[in-house]
C-alpha atoms as a PDB file:
ATOM      1  CA  UNK A   1      -0.333  -0.161  -0.520  1.00  0.00           C
ATOM      2  CA  UNK A   2       1.209   3.004  -0.858  1.00  0.00           C
ATOM      3  CA  UNK A   3      -1.086   5.848   0.622  1.00  0.00           C
ATOM      4  CA  UNK A   4      -3.804   5.766   3.373  1.00  0.00           C
ATOM      5  CA  UNK A   5      -6.126   8.942   4.009  1.00  0.00           C
ATOM      6  CA  UNK A   6      -5.028  10.693   7.648  1.00  0.00           C
ATOM      7  CA  UNK A   7      -8.363  12.082   8.191  1.00  0.00           C
ATOM      8  CA  UNK A   8      -7.287   9.826  11.325  1.00  0.00           C
ATOM      9  CA  UNK A   9      -3.830   7.858  11.272  1.00  0.00           C
ATOM     10  CA  UNK A  10      -1.086   6.961  14.447  1.00  0.00           C
ATOM     11  CA  UNK A  11       2.680   7.472  14.200  1.00  0.00           C
ATOM     12  CA  UNK A  12       5.008   5.838  16.416  1.00  0.00           C
ATOM     13  CA  UNK A  13       6.525   9.065  17.858  1.00  0.00           C
ATOM     14  CA  UNK A  14      10.071   7.489  16.218  1.00  0.00           C
ATOM     15  CA  UNK A  15       8.439   7.410  12.735  1.00  0.00           C
ATOM     16  CA  UNK A  16       7.819  11.549  13.595  1.00  0.00           C
ATOM     17  CA  UNK A  17      11.461  11.940  14.783  1.00  0.00           C
ATOM     18  CA  UNK A  18      12.816   9.907  11.420  1.00  0.00           C
ATOM     19  CA  UNK A  19      10.466  11.079   8.639  1.00  0.00           C
ATOM     20  CA  UNK A  20       9.221  14.925  10.378  1.00  0.00           C
ATOM     21  CA  UNK A  21       5.995  16.706  10.548  1.00  0.00           C
ATOM     22  CA  UNK A  22       3.833  17.007   7.912  1.00  0.00           C
ATOM     23  CA  UNK A  23       4.333  19.388   5.165  1.00  0.00           C
ATOM     24  CA  UNK A  24       2.871  23.167   6.579  1.00  0.00           C
ATOM     25  CA  UNK A  25       3.717  24.324   2.496  1.00  0.00           C
ATOM     26  CA  UNK A  26       0.831  22.835   1.808  1.00  0.00           C
ATOM     27  CA  UNK A  27      -1.533  24.014   4.988  1.00  0.00           C
ATOM     28  CA  UNK A  28      -4.609  21.804   3.761  1.00  0.00           C
ATOM     29  CA  UNK A  29      -4.869  18.845   1.329  1.00  0.00           C
ATOM     30  CA  UNK A  30      -2.221  16.728  -0.368  1.00  0.00           C
ATOM     31  CA  UNK A  31      -0.430  16.903   3.202  1.00  0.00           C
ATOM     32  CA  UNK A  32      -1.116  13.309   3.218  1.00  0.00           C
ATOM     33  CA  UNK A  33       0.456  12.485  -0.054  1.00  0.00           C
ATOM     34  CA  UNK A  34       3.365  14.099   0.461  1.00  0.00           C
ATOM     35  CA  UNK A  35       3.609  12.057   3.955  1.00  0.00           C
ATOM     36  CA  UNK A  36       3.008   8.936   2.246  1.00  0.00           C
ATOM     37  CA  UNK A  37       5.724   9.225  -0.199  1.00  0.00           C
ATOM     38  CA  UNK A  38       7.844  10.495   2.427  1.00  0.00           C
ATOM     39  CA  UNK A  39       7.104   7.601   4.472  1.00  0.00           C
ATOM     40  CA  UNK A  40       7.724   4.920   1.724  1.00  0.00           C
ATOM     41  CA  UNK A  41      10.821   6.721   0.833  1.00  0.00           C
ATOM     42  CA  UNK A  42      12.464   6.228   4.421  1.00  0.00           C
ATOM     43  CA  UNK A  43      10.972   2.265   4.224  1.00  0.00           C
ATOM     44  CA  UNK A  44       7.919   3.011   6.740  1.00  0.00           C
ATOM     45  CA  UNK A  45       4.945   0.445   5.395  1.00  0.00           C
ATOM     46  CA  UNK A  46       1.441   1.669   5.718  1.00  0.00           C
ATOM     47  CA  UNK A  47      -0.969  -0.056   7.839  1.00  0.00           C
ATOM     48  CA  UNK A  48      -4.927  -0.138   6.556  1.00  0.00           C
ATOM     49  CA  UNK A  49      -7.536  -1.737   9.735  1.00  0.00           C
ATOM     50  CA  UNK A  50     -10.671  -2.486   7.660  1.00  0.00           C
ATOM     51  CA  UNK A  51     -12.531  -2.796  10.615  1.00  0.00           C
ATOM     52  CA  UNK A  52     -11.713   0.544  12.638  1.00  0.00           C
ATOM     53  CA  UNK A  53     -14.761   3.171  12.911  1.00  0.00           C
ATOM     54  CA  UNK A  54     -14.622   6.494  12.275  1.00  0.00           C
ATOM     55  CA  UNK A  55     -17.128   9.447  12.345  1.00  0.00           C
ATOM     56  CA  UNK A  56     -15.315  11.928   9.474  1.00  0.00           C
ATOM     57  CA  UNK A  57     -17.493  14.992   7.895  1.00  0.00           C
ATOM     58  CA  UNK A  58     -16.447  14.640   4.716  1.00  0.00           C
ATOM     59  CA  UNK A  59     -15.854  18.120   3.315  1.00  0.00           C
ATOM     60  CA  UNK A  60     -15.551  19.626   7.401  1.00  0.00           C
ATOM     61  CA  UNK A  61     -12.224  20.933   6.069  1.00  0.00           C
ATOM     62  CA  UNK A  62     -13.409  23.239   3.111  1.00  0.00           C
ATOM     63  CA  UNK A  63     -15.394  23.121   0.009  1.00  0.00           C
ATOM     64  CA  UNK A  64     -16.275  24.843  -3.432  1.00  0.00           C
ATOM     65  CA  UNK A  65     -13.948  27.461  -4.323  1.00  0.00           C
ATOM     66  CA  UNK A  66     -11.328  26.635  -1.483  1.00  0.00           C
ATOM     67  CA  UNK A  67     -11.170  22.794  -1.773  1.00  0.00           C
ATOM     68  CA  UNK A  68      -9.652  23.273  -5.546  1.00  0.00           C
ATOM     69  CA  UNK A  69      -8.152  26.088  -5.445  1.00  0.00           C
ATOM     70  CA  UNK A  70      -5.546  23.902  -2.389  1.00  0.00           C
ATOM     71  CA  UNK A  71      -5.989  20.383  -4.271  1.00  0.00           C
ATOM     72  CA  UNK A  72      -5.255  21.838  -7.409  1.00  0.00           C
ATOM     73  CA  UNK A  73      -1.806  24.086  -5.682  1.00  0.00           C
ATOM     74  CA  UNK A  74      -0.744  21.202  -3.670  1.00  0.00           C
ATOM     75  CA  UNK A  75      -1.118  18.798  -6.743  1.00  0.00           C
ATOM     76  CA  UNK A  76       1.939  20.823  -9.235  1.00  0.00           C
ATOM     77  CA  UNK A  77       3.692  21.068  -5.559  1.00  0.00           C
ATOM     78  CA  UNK A  78       4.072  17.292  -5.567  1.00  0.00           C
ATOM     79  CA  UNK A  79       4.152  17.366  -9.455  1.00  0.00           C
ATOM     80  CA  UNK A  80       7.289  18.883  -9.351  1.00  0.00           C
ATOM     81  CA  UNK A  81       8.833  19.286  -5.612  1.00  0.00           C
ATOM     82  CA  UNK A  82      12.292  18.094  -6.279  1.00  0.00           C
ATOM     83  CA  UNK A  83      12.821  19.395 -10.650  1.00  0.00           C
ATOM     84  CA  UNK A  84      14.000  22.529 -11.569  1.00  0.00           C
ATOM     85  CA  UNK A  85      11.817  25.889 -10.994  1.00  0.00           C
ATOM     86  CA  UNK A  86      12.026  25.743 -15.071  1.00  0.00           C
ATOM     87  CA  UNK A  87       9.710  22.839 -15.319  1.00  0.00           C
ATOM     88  CA  UNK A  88       6.953  23.125 -12.561  1.00  0.00           C
ATOM     89  CA  UNK A  89       6.882  26.081 -15.069  1.00  0.00           C
ATOM     90  CA  UNK A  90       5.769  24.671 -17.539  1.00  0.00           C
ATOM     91  CA  UNK A  91       3.530  21.826 -15.984  1.00  0.00           C
ATOM     92  CA  UNK A  92       1.383  24.924 -14.409  1.00  0.00           C
ATOM     93  CA  UNK A  93       0.863  26.189 -18.202  1.00  0.00           C
ATOM     94  CA  UNK A  94      -1.500  24.231 -19.205  1.00  0.00           C
ATOM     95  CA  UNK A  95      -3.637  24.776 -15.670  1.00  0.00           C
ATOM     96  CA  UNK A  96      -3.447  28.773 -15.558  1.00  0.00           C
ATOM     97  CA  UNK A  97      -4.306  28.494 -18.962  1.00  0.00           C
ATOM     98  CA  UNK A  98      -7.584  26.008 -18.270  1.00  0.00           C
ATOM     99  CA  UNK A  99      -8.191  27.849 -15.457  1.00  0.00           C
ATOM    100  CA  UNK A 100      -8.129  31.048 -16.685  1.00  0.00           C
ATOM    101  CA  UNK A 101     -10.278  30.397 -19.602  1.00  0.00           C
ATOM    102  CA  UNK A 102     -13.177  28.499 -17.069  1.00  0.00           C
ATOM    103  CA  UNK A 103     -13.102  31.631 -14.955  1.00  0.00           C
ATOM    104  CA  UNK A 104     -13.427  34.208 -18.172  1.00  0.00           C
ATOM    105  CA  UNK A 105     -16.377  32.225 -19.110  1.00  0.00           C
ATOM    106  CA  UNK A 106     -18.443  31.819 -15.534  1.00  0.00           C
ATOM    107  CA  UNK A 107     -18.018  35.758 -15.612  1.00  0.00           C
ATOM    108  CA  UNK A 108     -19.058  35.626 -18.973  1.00  0.00           C
ATOM    109  CA  UNK A 109     -22.480  33.807 -18.252  1.00  0.00           C
ATOM    110  CA  UNK A 110     -22.934  35.965 -15.007  1.00  0.00           C
ATOM    111  CA  UNK A 111     -22.490  33.718 -12.582  1.00  0.00           C
ATOM    112  CA  UNK A 112     -20.297  33.397  -9.380  1.00  0.00           C
ATOM    113  CA  UNK A 113     -16.889  33.058  -8.776  1.00  0.00           C
ATOM    114  CA  UNK A 114     -16.415  29.297  -7.477  1.00  0.00           C
ATOM    115  CA  UNK A 115     -14.607  26.233  -7.963  1.00  0.00           C
ATOM    116  CA  UNK A 116     -13.462  27.504 -11.765  1.00  0.00           C
ATOM    117  CA  UNK A 117     -11.591  30.451 -10.219  1.00  0.00           C
ATOM    118  CA  UNK A 118      -9.978  28.396  -7.276  1.00  0.00           C
ATOM    119  CA  UNK A 119      -8.998  26.097 -10.187  1.00  0.00           C
ATOM    120  CA  UNK A 120      -7.279  29.574 -12.318  1.00  0.00           C
ATOM    121  CA  UNK A 121      -5.917  30.712  -8.000  1.00  0.00           C
ATOM    122  CA  UNK A 122      -4.393  27.689  -7.426  1.00  0.00           C
ATOM    123  CA  UNK A 123      -2.363  27.302 -10.210  1.00  0.00           C
ATOM    124  CA  UNK A 124      -1.887  30.947 -10.493  1.00  0.00           C
ATOM    125  CA  UNK A 125       0.302  30.788  -6.787  1.00  0.00           C
ATOM    126  CA  UNK A 126       1.571  28.170  -7.128  1.00  0.00           C
ATOM    127  CA  UNK A 127       3.395  29.846 -10.238  1.00  0.00           C
ATOM    128  CA  UNK A 128       3.789  33.095  -8.293  1.00  0.00           C
ATOM    129  CA  UNK A 129       5.631  30.042  -5.437  1.00  0.00           C
ATOM    130  CA  UNK A 130       2.814  31.290  -3.098  1.00  0.00           C
ATOM    131  CA  UNK A 131       2.466  28.532  -0.943  1.00  0.00           C
ATOM    132  CA  UNK A 132       1.233  27.725   2.693  1.00  0.00           C
ATOM    133  CA  UNK A 133      -2.518  28.996   4.077  1.00  0.00           C
ATOM    134  CA  UNK A 134      -4.307  30.991   0.551  1.00  0.00           C
ATOM    135  CA  UNK A 135      -4.554  35.102   2.068  1.00  0.00           C
ATOM    136  CA  UNK A 136      -7.948  36.525   1.527  1.00  0.00           C
ATOM    137  CA  UNK A 137      -8.885  38.319  -1.914  1.00  0.00           C
ATOM    138  CA  UNK A 138      -8.962  42.178  -1.455  1.00  0.00           C
ATOM    139  CA  UNK A 139     -11.607  44.516  -1.048  1.00  0.00           C
ATOM    140  CA  UNK A 140     -11.717  47.900  -0.538  1.00  0.00           C
ATOM    141  CA  UNK A 141     -12.476  48.626   2.275  1.00  0.00           C
ATOM    142  CA  UNK A 142      -8.390  46.448   3.227  1.00  0.00           C
END
């Protein structure tokens, strides 16, 4: 097994000391994917207990535009992690263009910005090296 979701995970202290903490660069979404990759690189086996019971409210962390933003940005980050900046830029062009096109269509149809804007902004923020927690959009009062 190469991946387990971190909605509920137990790790011995020695493993955390060996592998480190979750990557705060990601803030939310995909941090469990990154950690599983690092666990695998460290030779730590992953176990799944199918009889364990856990209630996890789906979508409790975010939703809509915010989820798409973090998933887009962090997937690009993981895809490009350890690669050159030029590689990262090449991988980001298509998501920016498709995100911009979808967002423009959303605006042209008079709809609220939502998931399409999240995908666009996630790709743009990755391009610009903005990681961590997303800053709220500026308003006229700010």
